[in-house]
């Protein structure tokens, strides 16, 4: 078989076809054979040459959907404003990411996929917290907008609560339960010295909650 001169093009085709199927059928009901049939000109071996599993494909799809936000995050880190103000913007931009609209429809049941659960935890503690959240919390401590003696621990705990405990793809909640969680988080963060969930942020979270309801 001839060597593929443009593997990145093939990989992108696999990701595009996979996302289309994940949106149409859902991750759980899409098989590797479905992806092969959608592409039409690749074998199972060719798929596995680029991705070891369907789990690896959805990880790549999600990374691609969220990767476009990196410039927005960097811009927020470098703009003027207090640490708390910038942290609020970071959260709102993250929730409003257009990729969320697709992930709501396409994402797997993470509780049935421990690999995703561990990736979410690993990324939160080893990338997002030290790279994005901690610098803003430390800035907020310096400028007085955030009051804590534990900026590193607060950054990690906050992300774990948002990305795992409040993640609807990990823990299923009724409408009432999710509303209570949001109110609890507002109260908890205020008590911890980081009043992050103001009216604007709560409206964004409420909009996201309604999108999740529509999906279910």
N, C-alpha and C. Protein backbone atom coordinates (compact mmCIF):
# COMPACT_ATOMS: atom_id res chain seq x y z
N UNK A 1 0.85 -1.20 0.00
CA UNK A 1 0.00 0.00 0.00
C UNK A 1 0.88 1.24 0.00
N UNK A 2 0.53 2.23 -0.79
CA UNK A 2 1.33 3.44 -0.88
C UNK A 2 1.29 4.22 0.43
N UNK A 3 2.42 4.82 0.74
CA UNK A 3 2.49 5.62 1.95
C UNK A 3 1.66 6.90 1.79
N UNK A 4 0.93 7.23 2.84
CA UNK A 4 0.12 8.44 2.82
C UNK A 4 1.03 9.66 2.96
N UNK A 5 1.06 10.51 1.92
CA UNK A 5 1.94 11.66 1.95
C UNK A 5 1.39 12.78 2.82
N UNK A 6 0.09 12.77 3.09
CA UNK A 6 -0.54 13.85 3.84
C UNK A 6 -1.36 13.28 5.00
N UNK A 7 -0.70 12.73 6.01
CA UNK A 7 -1.44 12.09 7.12
C UNK A 7 -2.34 13.06 7.87
N UNK A 8 -1.93 14.35 7.92
CA UNK A 8 -2.75 15.31 8.65
C UNK A 8 -4.09 15.53 7.96
N UNK A 9 -4.12 15.42 6.63
CA UNK A 9 -5.37 15.55 5.90
C UNK A 9 -6.28 14.37 6.19
N UNK A 10 -5.69 13.17 6.22
CA UNK A 10 -6.47 11.97 6.53
C UNK A 10 -7.02 12.05 7.95
N UNK A 11 -6.19 12.48 8.88
CA UNK A 11 -6.65 12.60 10.27
C UNK A 11 -7.80 13.58 10.38
N UNK A 12 -7.71 14.70 9.67
CA UNK A 12 -8.78 15.68 9.72
C UNK A 12 -10.06 15.13 9.12
N UNK A 13 -9.94 14.37 8.05
CA UNK A 13 -11.13 13.75 7.45
C UNK A 13 -11.79 12.79 8.44
N UNK A 14 -10.98 12.03 9.15
CA UNK A 14 -11.52 11.10 10.15
C UNK A 14 -12.24 11.87 11.25
N UNK A 15 -11.64 12.96 11.71
CA UNK A 15 -12.27 13.76 12.76
C UNK A 15 -13.56 14.40 12.28
N UNK A 16 -13.57 14.92 11.06
CA UNK A 16 -14.78 15.55 10.52
C UNK A 16 -15.91 14.54 10.37
N UNK A 17 -15.58 13.36 9.84
CA UNK A 17 -16.59 12.33 9.67
C UNK A 17 -17.10 11.83 11.02
N UNK A 18 -16.19 11.69 11.97
CA UNK A 18 -16.57 11.21 13.30
C UNK A 18 -17.48 12.19 14.00
N UNK A 19 -17.13 13.49 13.94
CA UNK A 19 -17.97 14.50 14.58
C UNK A 19 -19.37 14.49 13.96
N UNK A 20 -19.45 14.40 12.65
CA UNK A 20 -20.75 14.34 11.98
C UNK A 20 -21.59 13.18 12.52
N UNK A 21 -20.97 12.02 12.66
CA UNK A 21 -21.70 10.84 13.15
C UNK A 21 -22.02 10.96 14.63
N UNK A 22 -21.10 11.50 15.42
CA UNK A 22 -21.37 11.67 16.85
C UNK A 22 -22.57 12.59 17.06
N UNK A 23 -22.69 13.61 16.20
CA UNK A 23 -23.81 14.54 16.31
C UNK A 23 -25.11 13.88 15.87
N UNK A 24 -25.03 13.05 14.83
CA UNK A 24 -26.24 12.42 14.30
C UNK A 24 -26.71 11.25 15.16
N UNK A 25 -25.77 10.42 15.60
CA UNK A 25 -26.13 9.16 16.27
C UNK A 25 -25.78 9.15 17.75
N UNK A 26 -24.93 10.10 18.19
CA UNK A 26 -24.41 10.06 19.53
C UNK A 26 -23.14 9.22 19.58
N UNK A 27 -22.27 9.55 20.50
CA UNK A 27 -20.99 8.84 20.61
C UNK A 27 -21.20 7.35 20.86
N UNK A 28 -22.08 7.03 21.80
CA UNK A 28 -22.25 5.64 22.22
C UNK A 28 -22.72 4.75 21.07
N UNK A 29 -23.49 5.32 20.15
CA UNK A 29 -24.10 4.51 19.08
C UNK A 29 -23.32 4.58 17.77
N UNK A 30 -22.20 5.26 17.79
CA UNK A 30 -21.35 5.32 16.60
C UNK A 30 -20.23 4.30 16.72
N UNK A 31 -20.04 3.50 15.69
CA UNK A 31 -18.99 2.49 15.70
C UNK A 31 -17.86 2.90 14.75
N UNK A 32 -16.73 2.24 14.89
CA UNK A 32 -15.63 2.47 13.96
C UNK A 32 -16.07 2.14 12.53
N UNK A 33 -16.89 1.08 12.40
CA UNK A 33 -17.38 0.72 11.07
C UNK A 33 -18.25 1.83 10.49
N UNK A 34 -19.03 2.49 11.32
CA UNK A 34 -19.82 3.64 10.85
C UNK A 34 -18.91 4.72 10.27
N UNK A 35 -17.80 4.98 10.96
CA UNK A 35 -16.85 6.00 10.51
C UNK A 35 -16.24 5.59 9.18
N UNK A 36 -15.89 4.30 9.06
CA UNK A 36 -15.33 3.78 7.81
C UNK A 36 -16.32 3.96 6.67
N UNK A 37 -17.58 3.60 6.94
CA UNK A 37 -18.62 3.72 5.91
C UNK A 37 -18.83 5.17 5.51
N UNK A 38 -18.76 6.07 6.47
CA UNK A 38 -18.96 7.49 6.19
C UNK A 38 -17.84 8.03 5.30
N UNK A 39 -16.62 7.59 5.56
CA UNK A 39 -15.48 8.05 4.77
C UNK A 39 -15.46 7.43 3.37
N UNK A 40 -15.77 6.14 3.31
CA UNK A 40 -15.93 5.49 2.02
C UNK A 40 -14.67 4.96 1.37
N UNK A 41 -13.51 5.48 1.74
CA UNK A 41 -12.29 5.06 1.04
C UNK A 41 -11.14 4.69 1.98
N UNK A 42 -11.45 4.48 3.26
CA UNK A 42 -10.42 4.09 4.22
C UNK A 42 -10.78 2.76 4.86
N UNK A 43 -9.77 1.96 5.15
CA UNK A 43 -9.99 0.67 5.80
C UNK A 43 -9.93 0.85 7.32
N UNK A 44 -10.33 -0.19 8.03
CA UNK A 44 -10.23 -0.16 9.48
C UNK A 44 -8.77 0.00 9.91
N UNK A 45 -7.87 -0.67 9.18
CA UNK A 45 -6.46 -0.53 9.49
C UNK A 45 -5.97 0.89 9.35
N UNK A 46 -6.48 1.60 8.35
CA UNK A 46 -6.08 2.98 8.14
C UNK A 46 -6.56 3.87 9.28
N UNK A 47 -7.78 3.60 9.74
CA UNK A 47 -8.31 4.36 10.88
C UNK A 47 -7.42 4.14 12.10
N UNK A 48 -7.13 2.87 12.38
CA UNK A 48 -6.34 2.54 13.58
C UNK A 48 -4.88 2.96 13.45
N UNK A 49 -4.44 3.24 12.24
CA UNK A 49 -3.10 3.77 12.07
C UNK A 49 -2.99 5.18 12.65
N UNK A 50 -4.09 5.92 12.57
CA UNK A 50 -4.10 7.29 13.06
C UNK A 50 -4.65 7.41 14.48
N UNK A 51 -5.63 6.57 14.83
CA UNK A 51 -6.25 6.63 16.15
C UNK A 51 -6.41 5.21 16.69
N UNK A 52 -5.99 5.01 17.93
CA UNK A 52 -6.00 3.66 18.48
C UNK A 52 -7.40 3.17 18.85
N UNK A 53 -8.32 4.09 19.05
CA UNK A 53 -9.65 3.70 19.51
C UNK A 53 -10.64 4.83 19.24
N UNK A 54 -11.92 4.51 19.41
CA UNK A 54 -12.96 5.53 19.28
C UNK A 54 -12.79 6.59 20.38
N UNK A 55 -12.34 6.17 21.56
CA UNK A 55 -12.09 7.11 22.65
C UNK A 55 -11.05 8.14 22.26
N UNK A 56 -10.01 7.69 21.57
CA UNK A 56 -8.96 8.61 21.14
C UNK A 56 -9.49 9.58 20.08
N UNK A 57 -10.42 9.12 19.27
CA UNK A 57 -11.00 10.00 18.25
C UNK A 57 -11.81 11.11 18.91
N UNK A 58 -12.67 10.76 19.88
CA UNK A 58 -13.50 11.80 20.51
C UNK A 58 -12.64 12.77 21.30
N UNK A 59 -11.54 12.29 21.89
CA UNK A 59 -10.63 13.18 22.59
C UNK A 59 -10.05 14.21 21.61
N UNK A 60 -9.65 13.74 20.43
CA UNK A 60 -9.10 14.64 19.42
C UNK A 60 -10.16 15.62 18.91
N UNK A 61 -11.39 15.13 18.75
CA UNK A 61 -12.49 16.00 18.33
C UNK A 61 -12.71 17.10 19.36
N UNK A 62 -12.75 16.73 20.64
CA UNK A 62 -13.00 17.71 21.70
C UNK A 62 -11.85 18.70 21.81
N UNK A 63 -10.61 18.20 21.69
CA UNK A 63 -9.46 19.10 21.75
C UNK A 63 -9.53 20.12 20.63
N UNK A 64 -9.97 19.68 19.46
CA UNK A 64 -10.06 20.59 18.32
C UNK A 64 -11.16 21.63 18.52
N UNK A 65 -12.29 21.20 19.06
CA UNK A 65 -13.40 22.12 19.28
C UNK A 65 -13.04 23.20 20.29
N UNK A 66 -12.28 22.81 21.33
CA UNK A 66 -11.95 23.76 22.37
C UNK A 66 -10.63 24.49 22.13
N UNK A 67 -9.81 23.96 21.22
CA UNK A 67 -8.50 24.55 20.99
C UNK A 67 -8.56 25.97 20.48
N UNK A 68 -9.62 26.33 19.79
CA UNK A 68 -9.74 27.66 19.23
C UNK A 68 -9.88 28.76 20.27
N UNK A 69 -10.11 28.37 21.52
CA UNK A 69 -10.29 29.38 22.57
C UNK A 69 -8.98 29.85 23.18
N UNK A 70 -7.89 29.20 22.86
CA UNK A 70 -6.63 29.52 23.53
C UNK A 70 -6.25 30.99 23.37
N UNK A 71 -6.45 31.56 22.18
CA UNK A 71 -6.11 32.98 21.99
C UNK A 71 -6.99 33.87 22.86
N UNK A 72 -8.28 33.50 22.97
CA UNK A 72 -9.19 34.27 23.83
C UNK A 72 -8.71 34.24 25.28
N UNK A 73 -8.28 33.06 25.73
CA UNK A 73 -7.78 32.94 27.10
C UNK A 73 -6.54 33.79 27.31
N UNK A 74 -5.62 33.74 26.35
CA UNK A 74 -4.39 34.53 26.47
C UNK A 74 -4.69 36.01 26.48
N UNK A 75 -5.64 36.43 25.66
CA UNK A 75 -6.02 37.85 25.63
C UNK A 75 -6.56 38.30 26.98
N UNK A 76 -7.38 37.44 27.62
CA UNK A 76 -7.94 37.78 28.92
C UNK A 76 -6.84 37.88 29.97
N UNK A 77 -5.89 36.96 29.94
CA UNK A 77 -4.79 36.99 30.90
C UNK A 77 -3.99 38.28 30.79
N UNK A 78 -3.85 38.80 29.56
CA UNK A 78 -2.98 39.95 29.33
C UNK A 78 -3.70 41.30 29.35
N UNK A 79 -5.03 41.29 29.43
CA UNK A 79 -5.75 42.57 29.39
C UNK A 79 -5.76 43.21 30.77
N UNK A 80 -6.27 44.43 30.83
CA UNK A 80 -6.37 45.13 32.11
C UNK A 80 -7.58 44.64 32.89
N UNK A 81 -7.59 44.96 34.19
CA UNK A 81 -8.69 44.53 35.04
C UNK A 81 -8.17 43.79 36.25
N UNK A 82 -9.04 43.61 37.23
CA UNK A 82 -8.63 42.88 38.43
C UNK A 82 -8.60 41.38 38.13
N UNK A 83 -7.97 40.65 39.02
CA UNK A 83 -7.92 39.20 38.85
C UNK A 83 -9.30 38.60 38.83
N UNK A 84 -10.20 39.09 39.68
CA UNK A 84 -11.56 38.56 39.73
C UNK A 84 -12.32 38.87 38.45
N UNK A 85 -12.18 40.08 37.95
CA UNK A 85 -12.87 40.47 36.72
C UNK A 85 -12.43 39.58 35.55
N UNK A 86 -11.14 39.34 35.46
CA UNK A 86 -10.61 38.53 34.37
C UNK A 86 -11.01 37.05 34.53
N UNK A 87 -11.10 36.60 35.76
CA UNK A 87 -11.53 35.23 36.01
C UNK A 87 -12.98 35.03 35.59
N UNK A 88 -13.82 36.03 35.85
CA UNK A 88 -15.21 35.98 35.41
C UNK A 88 -15.29 35.90 33.89
N UNK A 89 -14.50 36.74 33.21
CA UNK A 89 -14.50 36.72 31.75
C UNK A 89 -14.05 35.36 31.22
N UNK A 90 -13.03 34.81 31.86
CA UNK A 90 -12.52 33.51 31.45
C UNK A 90 -13.61 32.45 31.55
N UNK A 91 -14.36 32.45 32.63
CA UNK A 91 -15.42 31.47 32.83
C UNK A 91 -16.52 31.66 31.79
N UNK A 92 -16.93 32.89 31.55
CA UNK A 92 -18.02 33.16 30.61
C UNK A 92 -17.62 32.79 29.19
N UNK A 93 -16.40 33.14 28.79
CA UNK A 93 -15.91 32.77 27.46
C UNK A 93 -15.88 31.25 27.31
N UNK A 94 -15.45 30.56 28.35
CA UNK A 94 -15.38 29.10 28.30
C UNK A 94 -16.76 28.48 28.14
N UNK A 95 -17.74 28.97 28.89
CA UNK A 95 -19.09 28.42 28.82
C UNK A 95 -19.74 28.74 27.49
N UNK A 96 -19.45 29.94 26.96
CA UNK A 96 -20.07 30.37 25.70
C UNK A 96 -19.37 29.84 24.46
N UNK A 97 -18.34 29.04 24.64
CA UNK A 97 -17.62 28.48 23.50
C UNK A 97 -18.59 27.77 22.56
N UNK A 98 -18.60 28.12 21.25
CA UNK A 98 -19.49 27.44 20.31
C UNK A 98 -19.30 25.93 20.30
N UNK A 99 -18.10 25.47 20.66
CA UNK A 99 -17.86 24.03 20.72
C UNK A 99 -18.75 23.34 21.73
N UNK A 100 -19.19 24.08 22.75
CA UNK A 100 -20.08 23.48 23.74
C UNK A 100 -21.39 23.02 23.11
N UNK A 101 -21.86 23.78 22.12
CA UNK A 101 -23.12 23.42 21.47
C UNK A 101 -23.00 22.04 20.82
N UNK A 102 -21.84 21.77 20.24
CA UNK A 102 -21.64 20.47 19.59
C UNK A 102 -21.40 19.38 20.62
N UNK A 103 -20.62 19.69 21.65
CA UNK A 103 -20.31 18.68 22.66
C UNK A 103 -21.57 18.25 23.39
N UNK A 104 -22.51 19.16 23.61
CA UNK A 104 -23.76 18.81 24.27
C UNK A 104 -24.46 17.67 23.52
N UNK A 105 -24.37 17.71 22.19
CA UNK A 105 -25.03 16.69 21.38
C UNK A 105 -24.17 15.45 21.19
N UNK A 106 -22.86 15.63 21.15
CA UNK A 106 -21.98 14.54 20.71
C UNK A 106 -21.24 13.83 21.82
N UNK A 107 -21.16 14.41 23.01
CA UNK A 107 -20.28 13.87 24.05
C UNK A 107 -20.73 12.50 24.53
N UNK A 108 -19.76 11.69 24.95
CA UNK A 108 -20.09 10.37 25.50
C UNK A 108 -20.59 10.48 26.92
N UNK A 109 -21.13 9.38 27.43
CA UNK A 109 -21.44 9.28 28.86
C UNK A 109 -20.12 9.05 29.58
N UNK A 110 -19.60 10.10 30.21
CA UNK A 110 -18.25 10.04 30.75
C UNK A 110 -18.16 9.03 31.89
N UNK A 111 -19.26 8.82 32.62
CA UNK A 111 -19.22 7.85 33.71
C UNK A 111 -19.00 6.43 33.19
N UNK A 112 -19.32 6.19 31.91
CA UNK A 112 -19.07 4.89 31.31
C UNK A 112 -17.72 4.83 30.62
N UNK A 113 -17.00 5.96 30.66
CA UNK A 113 -15.70 6.04 30.00
C UNK A 113 -14.68 6.61 30.97
N UNK A 114 -14.11 5.77 31.85
CA UNK A 114 -13.16 6.25 32.87
C UNK A 114 -12.00 7.02 32.29
N UNK A 115 -11.61 6.72 31.05
CA UNK A 115 -10.50 7.43 30.42
C UNK A 115 -10.81 8.92 30.33
N UNK A 116 -12.05 9.27 29.98
CA UNK A 116 -12.44 10.67 29.88
C UNK A 116 -12.43 11.32 31.25
N UNK A 117 -12.90 10.58 32.25
CA UNK A 117 -12.95 11.11 33.60
C UNK A 117 -11.55 11.45 34.10
N UNK A 118 -10.60 10.54 33.87
CA UNK A 118 -9.23 10.77 34.30
C UNK A 118 -8.59 11.90 33.50
N UNK A 119 -8.91 11.98 32.21
CA UNK A 119 -8.36 13.07 31.39
C UNK A 119 -8.87 14.41 31.89
N UNK A 120 -10.15 14.47 32.25
CA UNK A 120 -10.73 15.72 32.75
C UNK A 120 -10.03 16.14 34.03
N UNK A 121 -9.82 15.19 34.93
CA UNK A 121 -9.15 15.49 36.20
C UNK A 121 -7.70 15.89 35.97
N UNK A 122 -6.99 15.14 35.12
CA UNK A 122 -5.59 15.42 34.85
C UNK A 122 -5.43 16.80 34.22
N UNK A 123 -6.25 17.10 33.21
CA UNK A 123 -6.15 18.40 32.53
C UNK A 123 -6.45 19.55 33.49
N UNK A 124 -7.43 19.34 34.38
CA UNK A 124 -7.80 20.39 35.32
C UNK A 124 -6.65 20.72 36.26
N UNK A 125 -6.03 19.67 36.84
CA UNK A 125 -5.01 19.88 37.86
C UNK A 125 -3.64 20.20 37.29
N UNK A 126 -3.34 19.68 36.10
CA UNK A 126 -1.98 19.81 35.58
C UNK A 126 -1.83 20.83 34.46
N UNK A 127 -2.95 21.33 33.95
CA UNK A 127 -2.85 22.32 32.87
C UNK A 127 -3.68 23.56 33.17
N UNK A 128 -5.00 23.40 33.22
CA UNK A 128 -5.87 24.57 33.34
C UNK A 128 -5.64 25.34 34.63
N UNK A 129 -5.55 24.64 35.75
CA UNK A 129 -5.38 25.34 37.03
C UNK A 129 -4.08 26.13 37.09
N UNK A 130 -2.92 25.51 36.85
CA UNK A 130 -1.67 26.30 36.96
C UNK A 130 -1.46 27.31 35.84
N UNK A 131 -1.98 27.04 34.65
CA UNK A 131 -1.71 27.89 33.49
C UNK A 131 -2.67 29.07 33.39
N UNK A 132 -3.95 28.86 33.74
CA UNK A 132 -4.95 29.89 33.53
C UNK A 132 -5.55 30.43 34.83
N UNK A 133 -5.92 29.54 35.73
CA UNK A 133 -6.68 29.98 36.91
C UNK A 133 -5.77 30.55 38.00
N UNK A 134 -4.70 29.85 38.34
CA UNK A 134 -3.83 30.30 39.42
C UNK A 134 -3.26 31.70 39.19
N UNK A 135 -2.78 32.04 37.99
CA UNK A 135 -2.25 33.41 37.81
C UNK A 135 -3.29 34.49 38.09
N UNK A 136 -4.55 34.22 37.76
CA UNK A 136 -5.59 35.22 37.99
C UNK A 136 -5.98 35.28 39.46
N UNK A 137 -6.01 34.14 40.13
CA UNK A 137 -6.30 34.15 41.57
C UNK A 137 -5.18 34.89 42.31
N UNK A 138 -3.93 34.62 41.93
CA UNK A 138 -2.81 35.32 42.58
C UNK A 138 -2.87 36.82 42.31
N UNK A 139 -3.25 37.20 41.09
CA UNK A 139 -3.41 38.62 40.80
C UNK A 139 -4.51 39.21 41.65
N UNK A 140 -5.64 38.45 41.78
CA UNK A 140 -6.74 38.93 42.59
C UNK A 140 -6.37 39.13 44.05
N UNK A 141 -5.51 38.25 44.56
CA UNK A 141 -5.03 38.41 45.94
C UNK A 141 -4.21 39.69 46.06
N UNK A 142 -3.37 39.94 45.05
CA UNK A 142 -2.53 41.15 45.09
C UNK A 142 -3.36 42.43 44.98
N UNK A 143 -4.40 42.40 44.12
CA UNK A 143 -5.17 43.64 43.93
C UNK A 143 -6.36 43.75 44.89
N UNK A 144 -6.57 42.73 45.70
CA UNK A 144 -7.60 42.79 46.73
C UNK A 144 -8.98 42.32 46.30
N UNK A 145 -9.14 41.92 45.02
CA UNK A 145 -10.46 41.47 44.56
C UNK A 145 -10.78 40.05 45.00
N UNK A 146 -9.75 39.28 45.37
CA UNK A 146 -9.91 37.92 45.87
C UNK A 146 -9.18 37.83 47.20
N UNK A 147 -9.84 37.21 48.17
CA UNK A 147 -9.24 37.12 49.50
C UNK A 147 -9.09 35.65 49.89
N UNK A 148 -7.85 35.16 49.81
CA UNK A 148 -7.57 33.79 50.20
C UNK A 148 -6.09 33.66 50.55
N UNK A 149 -5.80 32.77 51.48
CA UNK A 149 -4.42 32.45 51.80
C UNK A 149 -3.95 31.19 51.06
N UNK A 150 -4.84 30.63 50.25
CA UNK A 150 -4.53 29.38 49.56
C UNK A 150 -4.86 29.47 48.07
N UNK A 151 -4.17 30.33 47.32
CA UNK A 151 -4.51 30.51 45.91
C UNK A 151 -4.38 29.23 45.08
N UNK A 152 -3.34 28.44 45.28
CA UNK A 152 -3.15 27.21 44.51
C UNK A 152 -4.25 26.21 44.81
N UNK A 153 -4.52 26.00 46.10
CA UNK A 153 -5.54 25.03 46.50
C UNK A 153 -6.93 25.49 46.05
N UNK A 154 -7.18 26.80 46.14
CA UNK A 154 -8.48 27.33 45.71
C UNK A 154 -8.67 27.13 44.21
N UNK A 155 -7.62 27.39 43.44
CA UNK A 155 -7.69 27.23 41.98
C UNK A 155 -8.02 25.79 41.62
N UNK A 156 -7.36 24.83 42.26
CA UNK A 156 -7.58 23.42 41.96
C UNK A 156 -8.97 22.96 42.40
N UNK A 157 -9.36 23.35 43.62
CA UNK A 157 -10.66 22.93 44.15
C UNK A 157 -11.80 23.49 43.30
N UNK A 158 -11.67 24.74 42.89
CA UNK A 158 -12.72 25.37 42.09
C UNK A 158 -12.90 24.65 40.76
N UNK A 159 -11.78 24.30 40.11
CA UNK A 159 -11.87 23.61 38.83
C UNK A 159 -12.45 22.21 38.98
N UNK A 160 -12.06 21.50 40.03
CA UNK A 160 -12.61 20.16 40.25
C UNK A 160 -14.12 20.23 40.44
N UNK A 161 -14.57 21.21 41.20
CA UNK A 161 -16.01 21.35 41.42
C UNK A 161 -16.74 21.69 40.12
N UNK A 162 -16.21 22.62 39.35
CA UNK A 162 -16.86 23.01 38.09
C UNK A 162 -16.75 21.91 37.03
N UNK A 163 -15.56 21.35 36.85
CA UNK A 163 -15.32 20.42 35.75
C UNK A 163 -15.75 18.99 36.03
N UNK A 164 -15.89 18.63 37.30
CA UNK A 164 -16.29 17.26 37.64
C UNK A 164 -17.63 17.25 38.36
N UNK A 165 -17.70 17.87 39.53
CA UNK A 165 -18.91 17.80 40.34
C UNK A 165 -20.11 18.45 39.66
N UNK A 166 -19.88 19.55 38.94
CA UNK A 166 -20.99 20.24 38.26
C UNK A 166 -21.11 19.86 36.79
N UNK A 167 -20.24 18.99 36.32
CA UNK A 167 -20.26 18.61 34.91
C UNK A 167 -21.44 17.67 34.63
N UNK A 168 -22.41 18.10 33.84
CA UNK A 168 -23.61 17.27 33.60
C UNK A 168 -23.32 16.01 32.81
N UNK A 169 -22.15 15.94 32.15
CA UNK A 169 -21.79 14.73 31.42
C UNK A 169 -21.18 13.69 32.35
N UNK A 170 -20.91 14.08 33.60
CA UNK A 170 -20.34 13.16 34.58
C UNK A 170 -21.40 12.79 35.62
N UNK A 171 -22.05 13.81 36.17
CA UNK A 171 -23.09 13.59 37.18
C UNK A 171 -24.41 14.13 36.65
N UNK A 172 -25.36 13.24 36.48
CA UNK A 172 -26.68 13.64 35.97
C UNK A 172 -27.50 14.27 37.10
N UNK A 173 -28.09 15.42 36.84
CA UNK A 173 -28.90 16.11 37.84
C UNK A 173 -30.25 16.49 37.25
N UNK A 174 -31.24 16.55 38.12
CA UNK A 174 -32.51 17.13 37.71
C UNK A 174 -32.34 18.64 37.61
N UNK A 175 -33.34 19.29 37.03
CA UNK A 175 -33.29 20.75 36.93
C UNK A 175 -33.13 21.38 38.31
N UNK A 176 -33.90 20.90 39.27
CA UNK A 176 -33.85 21.46 40.62
C UNK A 176 -32.48 21.22 41.26
N UNK A 177 -31.93 20.03 41.07
CA UNK A 177 -30.62 19.73 41.66
C UNK A 177 -29.53 20.62 41.09
N UNK A 178 -29.56 20.85 39.78
CA UNK A 178 -28.54 21.68 39.16
C UNK A 178 -28.66 23.13 39.59
N UNK A 179 -29.89 23.61 39.73
CA UNK A 179 -30.10 24.97 40.23
C UNK A 179 -29.54 25.12 41.63
N UNK A 180 -29.77 24.10 42.47
CA UNK A 180 -29.24 24.13 43.85
C UNK A 180 -27.72 24.10 43.84
N UNK A 181 -27.15 23.33 42.94
CA UNK A 181 -25.68 23.28 42.86
C UNK A 181 -25.10 24.64 42.48
N UNK A 182 -25.73 25.30 41.53
CA UNK A 182 -25.25 26.62 41.11
C UNK A 182 -25.34 27.61 42.27
N UNK A 183 -26.43 27.58 43.01
CA UNK A 183 -26.58 28.48 44.15
C UNK A 183 -25.58 28.14 45.25
N UNK A 184 -25.35 26.84 45.44
CA UNK A 184 -24.36 26.41 46.42
C UNK A 184 -22.98 26.91 46.04
N UNK A 185 -22.62 26.79 44.76
CA UNK A 185 -21.31 27.25 44.31
C UNK A 185 -21.16 28.76 44.51
N UNK A 186 -22.22 29.50 44.24
CA UNK A 186 -22.18 30.95 44.44
C UNK A 186 -21.88 31.27 45.90
N UNK A 187 -22.60 30.62 46.80
CA UNK A 187 -22.42 30.86 48.23
C UNK A 187 -21.05 30.39 48.70
N UNK A 188 -20.62 29.22 48.25
CA UNK A 188 -19.34 28.67 48.66
C UNK A 188 -18.19 29.57 48.24
N UNK A 189 -18.20 30.00 46.96
CA UNK A 189 -17.11 30.83 46.47
C UNK A 189 -17.05 32.18 47.18
N UNK A 190 -18.21 32.73 47.51
CA UNK A 190 -18.22 33.98 48.26
C UNK A 190 -17.60 33.78 49.63
N UNK A 191 -17.91 32.66 50.28
CA UNK A 191 -17.35 32.38 51.60
C UNK A 191 -15.84 32.13 51.53
N UNK A 192 -15.38 31.63 50.38
CA UNK A 192 -13.96 31.36 50.20
C UNK A 192 -13.19 32.60 49.73
N UNK A 193 -13.90 33.71 49.57
CA UNK A 193 -13.23 34.96 49.22
C UNK A 193 -13.10 35.22 47.74
N UNK A 194 -13.87 34.47 46.92
CA UNK A 194 -13.80 34.66 45.47
C UNK A 194 -15.21 34.74 44.91
N UNK A 195 -15.85 35.90 45.00
CA UNK A 195 -17.25 36.06 44.56
C UNK A 195 -17.38 36.04 43.04
N UNK A 196 -17.21 34.87 42.47
CA UNK A 196 -17.11 34.71 41.02
C UNK A 196 -18.46 34.76 40.31
N UNK A 197 -19.48 34.18 40.96
CA UNK A 197 -20.77 34.01 40.28
C UNK A 197 -21.68 35.20 40.55
N UNK A 198 -21.46 36.28 39.82
CA UNK A 198 -22.35 37.43 39.92
C UNK A 198 -23.55 37.21 39.01
N UNK A 199 -24.40 38.20 38.86
CA UNK A 199 -25.64 38.04 38.09
C UNK A 199 -25.36 37.65 36.64
N UNK A 200 -24.35 38.28 36.03
CA UNK A 200 -24.03 37.97 34.64
C UNK A 200 -23.59 36.51 34.50
N UNK A 201 -22.73 36.05 35.39
CA UNK A 201 -22.25 34.67 35.33
C UNK A 201 -23.38 33.69 35.57
N UNK A 202 -24.28 34.03 36.49
CA UNK A 202 -25.42 33.15 36.77
C UNK A 202 -26.34 33.03 35.56
N UNK A 203 -26.52 34.13 34.82
CA UNK A 203 -27.34 34.07 33.61
C UNK A 203 -26.72 33.15 32.56
N UNK A 204 -25.40 33.19 32.44
CA UNK A 204 -24.70 32.33 31.48
C UNK A 204 -24.86 30.87 31.88
N UNK A 205 -24.71 30.58 33.17
CA UNK A 205 -24.87 29.21 33.66
C UNK A 205 -26.31 28.73 33.46
N UNK A 206 -27.27 29.61 33.68
CA UNK A 206 -28.67 29.25 33.50
C UNK A 206 -28.97 28.94 32.03
N UNK A 207 -28.40 29.73 31.13
CA UNK A 207 -28.58 29.47 29.70
C UNK A 207 -27.99 28.11 29.32
N UNK A 208 -26.83 27.80 29.86
CA UNK A 208 -26.18 26.52 29.58
C UNK A 208 -27.03 25.37 30.12
N UNK A 209 -27.59 25.56 31.32
CA UNK A 209 -28.45 24.53 31.90
C UNK A 209 -29.65 24.26 31.01
N UNK A 210 -30.25 25.29 30.44
CA UNK A 210 -31.42 25.12 29.58
C UNK A 210 -31.05 24.38 28.30
N UNK A 211 -29.84 24.64 27.78
CA UNK A 211 -29.39 23.90 26.59
C UNK A 211 -29.27 22.41 26.89
N UNK A 212 -28.80 22.10 28.07
CA UNK A 212 -28.66 20.71 28.47
C UNK A 212 -30.04 20.04 28.60
N UNK A 213 -30.99 20.80 29.11
CA UNK A 213 -32.36 20.27 29.22
C UNK A 213 -32.92 19.94 27.87
N UNK A 214 -32.69 20.82 26.90
CA UNK A 214 -33.21 20.60 25.55
C UNK A 214 -32.60 19.33 24.94
N UNK A 215 -31.33 19.06 25.27
CA UNK A 215 -30.69 17.86 24.76
C UNK A 215 -31.35 16.62 25.32
N UNK A 216 -31.65 16.65 26.62
CA UNK A 216 -32.24 15.47 27.26
C UNK A 216 -33.74 15.37 26.96
